[in-house]
Amino acid sequence: YLGMGLHQMPGDVWWRTWRVLPPKRCASDPDFSWQGQPQGPDTGYWT
């Protein structure tokens, strides 16, 4: 919030940071299936 508000960080930081550890978009992405509730079509969506 402060970094963006001071114009020292772009909005990228807000949208690139994960609300919930996401499912893979690419084969090289990390596997977060270890988390408390793994993510998939029943737990959210890409927008």
All heavy atoms as atom14 arrays in JSON, in Angstrom:
{
  "sequence": "YLGMGLHQMPGDVWWRTWRVLPPKRCASDPDFSWQGQPQGPDTGYWT",
  "atom14_mask": [
    [1, 1, 1, 1, 1, 1, 1, 1, 1, 1, 1, 1, 0, 0],
    [1, 1, 1, 1, 1, 1, 1, 1, 0, 0, 0, 0, 0, 0],
    [1, 1, 1, 1, 0, 0, 0, 0, 0, 0, 0, 0, 0, 0],
    [1, 1, 1, 1, 1, 1, 1, 1, 0, 0, 0, 0, 0, 0],
    [1, 1, 1, 1, 0, 0, 0, 0, 0, 0, 0, 0, 0, 0],
    [1, 1, 1, 1, 1, 1, 1, 1, 0, 0, 0, 0, 0, 0],
    [1, 1, 1, 1, 1, 1, 1, 1, 1, 1, 0, 0, 0, 0],
    [1, 1, 1, 1, 1, 1, 1, 1, 1, 0, 0, 0, 0, 0],
    [1, 1, 1, 1, 1, 1, 1, 1, 0, 0, 0, 0, 0, 0],
    [1, 1, 1, 1, 1, 1, 1, 0, 0, 0, 0, 0, 0, 0],
    [1, 1, 1, 1, 0, 0, 0, 0, 0, 0, 0, 0, 0, 0],
    [1, 1, 1, 1, 1, 1, 1, 1, 0, 0, 0, 0, 0, 0],
    [1, 1, 1, 1, 1, 1, 1, 0, 0, 0, 0, 0, 0, 0],
    [1, 1, 1, 1, 1, 1, 1, 1, 1, 1, 1, 1, 1, 1],
    [1, 1, 1, 1, 1, 1, 1, 1, 1, 1, 1, 1, 1, 1],
    [1, 1, 1, 1, 1, 1, 1, 1, 1, 1, 1, 0, 0, 0],
    [1, 1, 1, 1, 1, 1, 1, 0, 0, 0, 0, 0, 0, 0],
    [1, 1, 1, 1, 1, 1, 1, 1, 1, 1, 1, 1, 1, 1],
    [1, 1, 1, 1, 1, 1, 1, 1, 1, 1, 1, 0, 0, 0],
    [1, 1, 1, 1, 1, 1, 1, 0, 0, 0, 0, 0, 0, 0],
    [1, 1, 1, 1, 1, 1, 1, 1, 0, 0, 0, 0, 0, 0],
    [1, 1, 1, 1, 1, 1, 1, 0, 0, 0, 0, 0, 0, 0],
    [1, 1, 1, 1, 1, 1, 1, 0, 0, 0, 0, 0, 0, 0],
    [1, 1, 1, 1, 1, 1, 1, 1, 1, 0, 0, 0, 0, 0],
    [1, 1, 1, 1, 1, 1, 1, 1, 1, 1, 1, 0, 0, 0],
    [1, 1, 1, 1, 1, 1, 0, 0, 0, 0, 0, 0, 0, 0],
    [1, 1, 1, 1, 1, 0, 0, 0, 0, 0, 0, 0, 0, 0],
    [1, 1, 1, 1, 1, 1, 0, 0, 0, 0, 0, 0, 0, 0],
    [1, 1, 1, 1, 1, 1, 1, 1, 0, 0, 0, 0, 0, 0],
    [1, 1, 1, 1, 1, 1, 1, 0, 0, 0, 0, 0, 0, 0],
    [1, 1, 1, 1, 1, 1, 1, 1, 0, 0, 0, 0, 0, 0],
    [1, 1, 1, 1, 1, 1, 1, 1, 1, 1, 1, 0, 0, 0],
    [1, 1, 1, 1, 1, 1, 0, 0, 0, 0, 0, 0, 0, 0],
    [1, 1, 1, 1, 1, 1, 1, 1, 1, 1, 1, 1, 1, 1],
    [1, 1, 1, 1, 1, 1, 1, 1, 1, 0, 0, 0, 0, 0],
    [1, 1, 1, 1, 0, 0, 0, 0, 0, 0, 0, 0, 0, 0],
    [1, 1, 1, 1, 1, 1, 1, 1, 1, 0, 0, 0, 0, 0],
    [1, 1, 1, 1, 1, 1, 1, 0, 0, 0, 0, 0, 0, 0],
    [1, 1, 1, 1, 1, 1, 1, 1, 1, 0, 0, 0, 0, 0],
    [1, 1, 1, 1, 0, 0, 0, 0, 0, 0, 0, 0, 0, 0],
    [1, 1, 1, 1, 1, 1, 1, 0, 0, 0, 0, 0, 0, 0],
    [1, 1, 1, 1, 1, 1, 1, 1, 0, 0, 0, 0, 0, 0],
    [1, 1, 1, 1, 1, 1, 1, 0, 0, 0, 0, 0, 0, 0],
    [1, 1, 1, 1, 0, 0, 0, 0, 0, 0, 0, 0, 0, 0],
    [1, 1, 1, 1, 1, 1, 1, 1, 1, 1, 1, 1, 0, 0],
    [1, 1, 1, 1, 1, 1, 1, 1, 1, 1, 1, 1, 1, 1],
    [1, 1, 1, 1, 1, 1, 1, 0, 0, 0, 0, 0, 0, 0]
  ],
  "atom14_positions": [
    [[0.84, -1.21, 0.0], [0.0, 0.0, 0.0], [0.87, 1.25, 0.0], [0.61, 2.21, -0.75], [-0.88, 0.02, 1.25], [-2.09, -0.89, 1.24], [-2.37, -1.71, 2.33], [-2.99, -0.9, 0.17], [-3.5, -2.53, 2.35], [-4.12, -1.7, 0.18], [-4.37, -2.52, 1.28], [-5.48, -3.31, 1.3], [0.0, 0.0, 0.0], [0.0, 0.0, 0.0]],
    [[1.89, 1.27, 0.85], [2.74, 2.46, 0.95], [3.62, 2.62, -0.29], [3.79, 3.73, -0.81], [3.6, 2.39, 2.21], [3.04, 3.01, 3.49], [2.84, 4.51, 3.34], [1.75, 2.36, 3.92], [0.0, 0.0, 0.0], [0.0, 0.0, 0.0], [0.0, 0.0, 0.0], [0.0, 0.0, 0.0], [0.0, 0.0, 0.0], [0.0, 0.0, 0.0]],
    [[4.18, 1.52, -0.76], [5.04, 1.59, -1.93], [4.31, 2.11, -3.16], [4.83, 2.95, -3.9], [0.0, 0.0, 0.0], [0.0, 0.0, 0.0], [0.0, 0.0, 0.0], [0.0, 0.0, 0.0], [0.0, 0.0, 0.0], [0.0, 0.0, 0.0], [0.0, 0.0, 0.0], [0.0, 0.0, 0.0], [0.0, 0.0, 0.0], [0.0, 0.0, 0.0]],
    [[3.08, 1.62, -3.37], [2.29, 2.12, -4.5], [1.86, 3.56, -4.26], [1.9, 4.4, -5.18], [1.06, 1.23, -4.7], [1.34, -0.17, -5.17], [-0.17, -1.13, -5.55], [-0.98, -1.2, -3.93], [0.0, 0.0, 0.0], [0.0, 0.0, 0.0], [0.0, 0.0, 0.0], [0.0, 0.0, 0.0], [0.0, 0.0, 0.0], [0.0, 0.0, 0.0]],
    [[1.48, 3.87, -3.03], [1.01, 5.21, -2.72], [2.08, 6.27, -2.86], [1.78, 7.43, -3.2], [0.0, 0.0, 0.0], [0.0, 0.0, 0.0], [0.0, 0.0, 0.0], [0.0, 0.0, 0.0], [0.0, 0.0, 0.0], [0.0, 0.0, 0.0], [0.0, 0.0, 0.0], [0.0, 0.0, 0.0], [0.0, 0.0, 0.0], [0.0, 0.0, 0.0]],
    [[3.31, 5.89, -2.65], [4.43, 6.82, -2.8], [5.01, 6.8, -4.22], [6.03, 7.43, -4.48], [5.53, 6.47, -1.79], [5.15, 6.69, -0.31], [6.18, 6.03, 0.61], [5.06, 8.18, -0.01], [0.0, 0.0, 0.0], [0.0, 0.0, 0.0], [0.0, 0.0, 0.0], [0.0, 0.0, 0.0], [0.0, 0.0, 0.0], [0.0, 0.0, 0.0]],
    [[4.36, 6.05, -5.11], [4.8, 5.93, -6.51], [6.2, 5.33, -6.61], [6.96, 5.66, -7.52], [4.72, 7.28, -7.23], [3.36, 7.88, -7.23], [2.33, 7.42, -8.01], [2.83, 8.91, -6.51], [1.25, 8.13, -7.79], [1.51, 9.03, -6.87], [0.0, 0.0, 0.0], [0.0, 0.0, 0.0], [0.0, 0.0, 0.0], [0.0, 0.0, 0.0]],
    [[6.53, 4.45, -5.67], [7.83, 3.8, -5.68], [7.73, 2.32, -6.06], [8.74, 1.67, -6.29], [8.5, 3.96, -4.31], [8.83, 5.41, -3.99], [9.22, 5.64, -2.54], [9.17, 4.73, -1.71], [9.59, 6.86, -2.21], [0.0, 0.0, 0.0], [0.0, 0.0, 0.0], [0.0, 0.0, 0.0], [0.0, 0.0, 0.0], [0.0, 0.0, 0.0]],
    [[6.52, 1.79, -6.08], [6.25, 0.45, -6.6], [5.1, 0.58, -7.59], [4.15, 1.31, -7.34], [5.81, -0.51, -5.48], [6.88, -1.0, -4.54], [6.14, -2.22, -3.42], [7.49, -2.49, -2.29], [0.0, 0.0, 0.0], [0.0, 0.0, 0.0], [0.0, 0.0, 0.0], [0.0, 0.0, 0.0], [0.0, 0.0, 0.0], [0.0, 0.0, 0.0]],
    [[5.14, -0.16, -8.7], [4.01, -0.14, -9.62], [2.88, -1.03, -9.1], [3.07, -1.85, -8.19], [4.61, -0.72, -10.9], [5.67, -1.68, -10.41], [6.25, -1.01, -9.18], [0.0, 0.0, 0.0], [0.0, 0.0, 0.0], [0.0, 0.0, 0.0], [0.0, 0.0, 0.0], [0.0, 0.0, 0.0], [0.0, 0.0, 0.0], [0.0, 0.0, 0.0]],
    [[1.71, -0.88, -9.7], [0.59, -1.73, -9.32], [0.83, -3.2, -9.56], [0.13, -4.06, -9.0], [0.0, 0.0, 0.0], [0.0, 0.0, 0.0], [0.0, 0.0, 0.0], [0.0, 0.0, 0.0], [0.0, 0.0, 0.0], [0.0, 0.0, 0.0], [0.0, 0.0, 0.0], [0.0, 0.0, 0.0], [0.0, 0.0, 0.0], [0.0, 0.0, 0.0]],
    [[1.84, -3.52, -10.36], [2.2, -4.92, -10.61], [2.3, -5.7, -9.3], [1.9, -6.87, -9.22], [3.55, -5.0, -11.32], [3.61, -4.23, -12.63], [3.09, -3.1, -12.68], [4.2, -4.75, -13.59], [0.0, 0.0, 0.0], [0.0, 0.0, 0.0], [0.0, 0.0, 0.0], [0.0, 0.0, 0.0], [0.0, 0.0, 0.0], [0.0, 0.0, 0.0]],
    [[2.88, -5.08, -8.28], [3.13, -5.78, -7.02], [1.83, -6.27, -6.4], [1.8, -7.3, -5.74], [3.93, -4.89, -6.04], [3.05, -3.77, -5.46], [4.55, -5.71, -4.93], [0.0, 0.0, 0.0], [0.0, 0.0, 0.0], [0.0, 0.0, 0.0], [0.0, 0.0, 0.0], [0.0, 0.0, 0.0], [0.0, 0.0, 0.0], [0.0, 0.0, 0.0]],
    [[0.75, -5.53, -6.63], [-0.55, -5.89, -6.04], [-1.16, -7.08, -6.76], [-1.74, -7.97, -6.14], [-1.48, -4.68, -6.09], [-2.71, -4.84, -5.26], [-3.98, -5.04, -5.71], [-2.79, -4.8, -3.82], [-4.85, -5.13, -4.64], [-4.13, -4.99, -3.47], [-1.83, -4.63, -2.81], [-4.57, -5.01, -2.15], [-2.26, -4.64, -1.5], [-3.61, -4.83, -1.18]],
    [[-1.03, -7.11, -8.06], [-1.71, -8.14, -8.86], [-0.85, -9.37, -9.08], [-1.4, -10.46, -9.32], [-2.14, -7.53, -10.2], [-2.91, -6.27, -10.01], [-2.54, -5.01, -10.36], [-4.19, -6.13, -9.37], [-3.48, -4.09, -9.99], [-4.51, -4.75, -9.37], [-5.08, -7.02, -8.78], [-5.7, -4.26, -8.83], [-6.26, -6.54, -8.23], [-6.56, -5.17, -8.27]],
    [[0.45, -9.24, -9.0], [1.33, -10.4, -9.14], [1.44, -11.21, -7.83], [1.91, -12.34, -7.84], [2.73, -9.96, -9.59], [2.8, -9.45, -11.02], [2.72, -10.57, -12.04], [3.9, -11.45, -11.98], [4.03, -12.57, -12.68], [3.03, -12.96, -13.47], [5.12, -13.3, -12.6], [0.0, 0.0, 0.0], [0.0, 0.0, 0.0], [0.0, 0.0, 0.0]],
    [[1.03, -10.62, -6.74], [1.09, -11.3, -5.45], [-0.19, -12.11, -5.25], [-1.27, -11.64, -5.55], [1.29, -10.28, -4.31], [2.43, -9.46, -4.63], [1.56, -10.98, -2.99], [0.0, 0.0, 0.0], [0.0, 0.0, 0.0], [0.0, 0.0, 0.0], [0.0, 0.0, 0.0], [0.0, 0.0, 0.0], [0.0, 0.0, 0.0], [0.0, 0.0, 0.0]],
    [[-0.07, -13.32, -4.71], [-1.16, -14.28, -4.72], [-2.13, -14.11, -3.58], [-1.75, -14.01, -2.42], [-0.58, -15.7, -4.69], [0.37, -15.97, -5.82], [0.17, -15.7, -7.15], [1.68, -16.53, -5.73], [1.25, -16.07, -7.9], [2.21, -16.59, -7.06], [2.47, -17.0, -4.68], [3.47, -17.09, -7.34], [3.73, -17.51, -4.95], [4.21, -17.54, -6.27]],
    [[-3.44, -14.07, -3.91], [-4.49, -14.06, -2.89], [-4.51, -15.4, -2.15], [-4.61, -15.46, -0.94], [-5.86, -13.8, -3.53], [-6.11, -12.31, -3.83], [-5.52, -11.91, -5.18], [-5.7, -10.47, -5.38], [-4.69, -9.61, -5.54], [-3.43, -10.03, -5.55], [-4.92, -8.34, -5.7], [0.0, 0.0, 0.0], [0.0, 0.0, 0.0], [0.0, 0.0, 0.0]],
    [[-4.49, -16.48, -2.94], [-4.31, -17.85, -2.46], [-3.24, -18.45, -3.35], [-3.16, -18.13, -4.54], [-5.62, -18.66, -2.58], [-5.43, -20.09, -2.08], [-6.74, -18.0, -1.79], [0.0, 0.0, 0.0], [0.0, 0.0, 0.0], [0.0, 0.0, 0.0], [0.0, 0.0, 0.0], [0.0, 0.0, 0.0], [0.0, 0.0, 0.0], [0.0, 0.0, 0.0]],
    [[-2.38, -19.31, -2.82], [-1.35, -19.91, -3.65], [-2.02, -20.61, -4.83], [-2.84, -21.51, -4.65], [-0.53, -20.91, -2.83], [0.19, -20.32, -1.61], [0.95, -21.41, -0.86], [1.13, -19.19, -2.02], [0.0, 0.0, 0.0], [0.0, 0.0, 0.0], [0.0, 0.0, 0.0], [0.0, 0.0, 0.0], [0.0, 0.0, 0.0], [0.0, 0.0, 0.0]],
    [[-1.7, -20.2, -6.07], [-2.53, -20.57, -7.23], [-2.16, -21.92, -7.83], [-1.06, -22.44, -7.63], [-2.21, -19.45, -8.22], [-0.79, -19.1, -7.91], [-0.64, -19.24, -6.42], [0.0, 0.0, 0.0], [0.0, 0.0, 0.0], [0.0, 0.0, 0.0], [0.0, 0.0, 0.0], [0.0, 0.0, 0.0], [0.0, 0.0, 0.0], [0.0, 0.0, 0.0]],
    [[-3.09, -22.47, -8.61], [-2.74, -23.65, -9.41], [-1.79, -23.24, -10.53], [-1.63, -22.06, -10.84], [-4.09, -24.1, -9.97], [-4.92, -22.86, -10.01], [-4.47, -22.03, -8.83], [0.0, 0.0, 0.0], [0.0, 0.0, 0.0], [0.0, 0.0, 0.0], [0.0, 0.0, 0.0], [0.0, 0.0, 0.0], [0.0, 0.0, 0.0], [0.0, 0.0, 0.0]],
    [[-1.18, -24.21, -11.15], [-0.22, -23.93, -12.21], [-0.89, -23.29, -13.42], [-1.98, -23.68, -13.81], [0.47, -25.22, -12.64], [1.42, -25.81, -11.63], [2.16, -27.0, -12.24], [3.2, -27.57, -11.28], [4.02, -28.62, -11.92], [0.0, 0.0, 0.0], [0.0, 0.0, 0.0], [0.0, 0.0, 0.0], [0.0, 0.0, 0.0], [0.0, 0.0, 0.0]],
    [[-0.22, -22.3, -14.0], [-0.59, -21.79, -15.32], [0.35, -22.36, -16.39], [-0.03, -22.46, -17.54], [-0.49, -20.25, -15.35], [-1.61, -19.55, -14.61], [-1.46, -18.03, -14.63], [-1.51, -17.45, -15.95], [-2.63, -17.19, -16.62], [-3.8, -17.49, -16.09], [-2.59, -16.63, -17.82], [0.0, 0.0, 0.0], [0.0, 0.0, 0.0], [0.0, 0.0, 0.0]],
    [[1.56, -22.71, -15.96], [2.57, -23.24, -16.87], [3.22, -24.45, -16.21], [3.23, -24.57, -14.98], [3.63, -22.2, -17.19], [2.98, -20.65, -17.86], [0.0, 0.0, 0.0], [0.0, 0.0, 0.0], [0.0, 0.0, 0.0], [0.0, 0.0, 0.0], [0.0, 0.0, 0.0], [0.0, 0.0, 0.0], [0.0, 0.0, 0.0], [0.0, 0.0, 0.0]],
    [[3.78, -25.33, -17.02], [4.4, -26.54, -16.48], [5.52, -26.24, -15.5], [5.78, -27.01, -14.57], [4.92, -27.4, -17.63], [0.0, 0.0, 0.0], [0.0, 0.0, 0.0], [0.0, 0.0, 0.0], [0.0, 0.0, 0.0], [0.0, 0.0, 0.0], [0.0, 0.0, 0.0], [0.0, 0.0, 0.0], [0.0, 0.0, 0.0], [0.0, 0.0, 0.0]],
    [[6.17, -25.09, -15.7], [7.31, -24.74, -14.84], [6.9, -24.12, -13.51], [7.74, -23.89, -12.64], [8.23, -23.76, -15.58], [7.5, -22.59, -15.96], [0.0, 0.0, 0.0], [0.0, 0.0, 0.0], [0.0, 0.0, 0.0], [0.0, 0.0, 0.0], [0.0, 0.0, 0.0], [0.0, 0.0, 0.0], [0.0, 0.0, 0.0], [0.0, 0.0, 0.0]],
    [[5.62, -23.83, -13.33], [5.16, -23.18, -12.1], [5.28, -24.11, -10.9], [5.18, -25.33, -11.05], [3.7, -22.73, -12.26], [3.54, -21.49, -13.1], [4.53, -20.75, -13.25], [2.43, -21.26, -13.63], [0.0, 0.0, 0.0], [0.0, 0.0, 0.0], [0.0, 0.0, 0.0], [0.0, 0.0, 0.0], [0.0, 0.0, 0.0], [0.0, 0.0, 0.0]],
    [[5.47, -23.55, -9.71], [5.57, -24.4, -8.52], [4.26, -25.12, -8.23], [3.18, -24.62, -8.54], [5.93, -23.4, -7.42], [5.5, -22.07, -7.94], [5.65, -22.13, -9.42], [0.0, 0.0, 0.0], [0.0, 0.0, 0.0], [0.0, 0.0, 0.0], [0.0, 0.0, 0.0], [0.0, 0.0, 0.0], [0.0, 0.0, 0.0], [0.0, 0.0, 0.0]],
    [[4.39, -26.28, -7.62], [3.24, -27.08, -7.22], [2.88, -26.72, -5.79], [3.62, -27.02, -4.85], [3.6, -28.56, -7.33], [2.45, -29.47, -6.94], [1.36, -28.96, -6.59], [2.64, -30.7, -6.96], [0.0, 0.0, 0.0], [0.0, 0.0, 0.0], [0.0, 0.0, 0.0], [0.0, 0.0, 0.0], [0.0, 0.0, 0.0], [0.0, 0.0, 0.0]],
    [[1.73, -26.07, -5.61], [1.3, -25.66, -4.28], [0.24, -26.6, -3.71], [-0.54, -26.21, -2.83], [0.73, -24.23, -4.33], [1.77, -23.16, -4.58], [1.59, -22.23, -5.6], [2.92, -23.08, -3.8], [2.54, -21.23, -5.82], [3.86, -22.09, -4.02], [3.67, -21.16, -5.03], [0.0, 0.0, 0.0], [0.0, 0.0, 0.0], [0.0, 0.0, 0.0]],
    [[0.2, -27.82, -4.17], [-0.82, -28.76, -3.68], [-0.6, -29.14, -2.23], [-1.48, -29.76, -1.62], [-0.85, -30.01, -4.56], [0.4, -30.69, -4.52], [0.0, 0.0, 0.0], [0.0, 0.0, 0.0], [0.0, 0.0, 0.0], [0.0, 0.0, 0.0], [0.0, 0.0, 0.0], [0.0, 0.0, 0.0], [0.0, 0.0, 0.0], [0.0, 0.0, 0.0]],
    [[0.55, -28.76, -1.67], [0.82, -29.04, -0.26], [0.03, -28.15, 0.69], [-0.06, -28.41, 1.88], [2.32, -28.85, 0.04], [2.84, -27.49, -0.38], [3.48, -27.2, -1.54], [2.74, -26.24, 0.33], [3.82, -25.86, -1.6], [3.37, -25.25, -0.46], [2.21, -25.88, 1.55], [3.45, -23.92, -0.07], [2.29, -24.55, 1.95], [2.9, -23.59, 1.15]],
    [[-0.57, -27.08, 0.18], [-1.19, -26.08, 1.05], [-2.44, -26.63, 1.73], [-2.95, -27.69, 1.39], [-1.53, -24.82, 0.27], [-2.61, -25.0, -0.79], [-2.88, -23.71, -1.56], [-3.31, -22.72, -0.98], [-2.61, -23.73, -2.86], [0.0, 0.0, 0.0], [0.0, 0.0, 0.0], [0.0, 0.0, 0.0], [0.0, 0.0, 0.0], [0.0, 0.0, 0.0]],
    [[-2.95, -25.87, 2.7], [-4.06, -26.31, 3.53], [-5.27, -26.77, 2.77], [-5.94, -27.74, 3.15], [0.0, 0.0, 0.0], [0.0, 0.0, 0.0], [0.0, 0.0, 0.0], [0.0, 0.0, 0.0], [0.0, 0.0, 0.0], [0.0, 0.0, 0.0], [0.0, 0.0, 0.0], [0.0, 0.0, 0.0], [0.0, 0.0, 0.0], [0.0, 0.0, 0.0]],
    [[-5.61, -26.07, 1.67], [-6.69, -26.48, 0.78], [-6.22, -26.25, -0.65], [-6.2, -25.12, -1.13], [-7.98, -25.7, 1.07], [-8.57, -25.97, 2.45], [-9.93, -25.33, 2.67], [-10.67, -25.05, 1.73], [-10.27, -25.11, 3.94], [0.0, 0.0, 0.0], [0.0, 0.0, 0.0], [0.0, 0.0, 0.0], [0.0, 0.0, 0.0], [0.0, 0.0, 0.0]],
    [[-5.81, -27.32, -1.33], [-5.3, -27.18, -2.7], [-6.32, -26.51, -3.61], [-7.53, -26.65, -3.43], [-5.04, -28.63, -3.12], [-4.79, -29.35, -1.84], [-5.71, -28.7, -0.84], [0.0, 0.0, 0.0], [0.0, 0.0, 0.0], [0.0, 0.0, 0.0], [0.0, 0.0, 0.0], [0.0, 0.0, 0.0], [0.0, 0.0, 0.0], [0.0, 0.0, 0.0]],
    [[-5.82, -25.8, -4.61], [-6.67, -24.99, -5.47], [-6.97, -25.68, -6.8], [-6.12, -26.38, -7.37], [-6.01, -23.64, -5.73], [-5.84, -22.8, -4.46], [-7.18, -22.35, -3.9], [-7.84, -21.47, -4.44], [-7.6, -22.97, -2.8], [0.0, 0.0, 0.0], [0.0, 0.0, 0.0], [0.0, 0.0, 0.0], [0.0, 0.0, 0.0], [0.0, 0.0, 0.0]],
    [[-8.19, -25.45, -7.28], [-8.63, -26.01, -8.55], [-9.93, -25.37, -8.97], [-10.37, -24.36, -8.39], [0.0, 0.0, 0.0], [0.0, 0.0, 0.0], [0.0, 0.0, 0.0], [0.0, 0.0, 0.0], [0.0, 0.0, 0.0], [0.0, 0.0, 0.0], [0.0, 0.0, 0.0], [0.0, 0.0, 0.0], [0.0, 0.0, 0.0], [0.0, 0.0, 0.0]],
    [[-10.63, -25.94, -9.95], [-11.86, -25.33, -10.45], [-12.94, -25.14, -9.4], [-13.79, -24.24, -9.56], [-12.32, -26.33, -11.53], [-11.07, -27.05, -11.94], [-10.23, -27.14, -10.71], [0.0, 0.0, 0.0], [0.0, 0.0, 0.0], [0.0, 0.0, 0.0], [0.0, 0.0, 0.0], [0.0, 0.0, 0.0], [0.0, 0.0, 0.0], [0.0, 0.0, 0.0]],
    [[-12.94, -25.94, -8.35], [-13.97, -25.82, -7.31], [-13.64, -24.76, -6.27], [-14.48, -24.46, -5.41], [-14.18, -27.16, -6.61], [-14.75, -28.22, -7.54], [-15.41, -27.84, -8.52], [-14.51, -29.42, -7.28], [0.0, 0.0, 0.0], [0.0, 0.0, 0.0], [0.0, 0.0, 0.0], [0.0, 0.0, 0.0], [0.0, 0.0, 0.0], [0.0, 0.0, 0.0]],
    [[-12.45, -24.21, -6.32], [-12.03, -23.26, -5.28], [-11.71, -21.87, -5.81], [-11.22, -21.03, -5.05], [-10.79, -23.8, -4.53], [-9.69, -23.91, -5.47], [-11.06, -25.16, -3.9], [0.0, 0.0, 0.0], [0.0, 0.0, 0.0], [0.0, 0.0, 0.0], [0.0, 0.0, 0.0], [0.0, 0.0, 0.0], [0.0, 0.0, 0.0], [0.0, 0.0, 0.0]],
    [[-11.97, -21.63, -7.09], [-11.68, -20.31, -7.63], [-11.61, -20.31, -9.13], [-11.98, -21.29, -9.79], [0.0, 0.0, 0.0], [0.0, 0.0, 0.0], [0.0, 0.0, 0.0], [0.0, 0.0, 0.0], [0.0, 0.0, 0.0], [0.0, 0.0, 0.0], [0.0, 0.0, 0.0], [0.0, 0.0, 0.0], [0.0, 0.0, 0.0], [0.0, 0.0, 0.0]],
    [[-11.09, -19.21, -9.68], [-11.03, -19.06, -11.13], [-9.98, -18.01, -11.47], [-9.65, -17.13, -10.67], [-12.4, -18.63, -11.68], [-13.0, -17.45, -10.95], [-12.63, -16.13, -11.24], [-13.93, -17.65, -9.93], [-13.16, -15.06, -10.56], [-14.48, -16.58, -9.24], [-14.09, -15.29, -9.55], [-14.62, -14.22, -8.85], [0.0, 0.0, 0.0], [0.0, 0.0, 0.0]],
    [[-9.46, -18.11, -12.69], [-8.58, -17.08, -13.21], [-9.41, -15.95, -13.81], [-10.42, -16.2, -14.49], [-7.65, -17.65, -14.29], [-6.58, -18.54, -13.75], [-6.56, -19.9, -13.75], [-5.37, -18.12, -13.11], [-5.4, -20.38, -13.16], [-4.66, -19.3, -12.75], [-4.82, -16.88, -12.79], [-3.42, -19.27, -12.1], [-3.59, -16.85, -12.15], [-2.9, -18.02, -11.8]],
    [[-9.02, -14.74, -13.55], [-9.67, -13.59, -14.15], [-8.6, -12.59, -14.57], [-7.45, -12.66, -14.11], [-10.68, -12.95, -13.17], [-11.44, -11.96, -13.85], [-9.96, -12.3, -11.99], [0.0, 0.0, 0.0], [0.0, 0.0, 0.0], [0.0, 0.0, 0.0], [0.0, 0.0, 0.0], [0.0, 0.0, 0.0], [0.0, 0.0, 0.0], [0.0, 0.0, 0.0]]
  ]
}
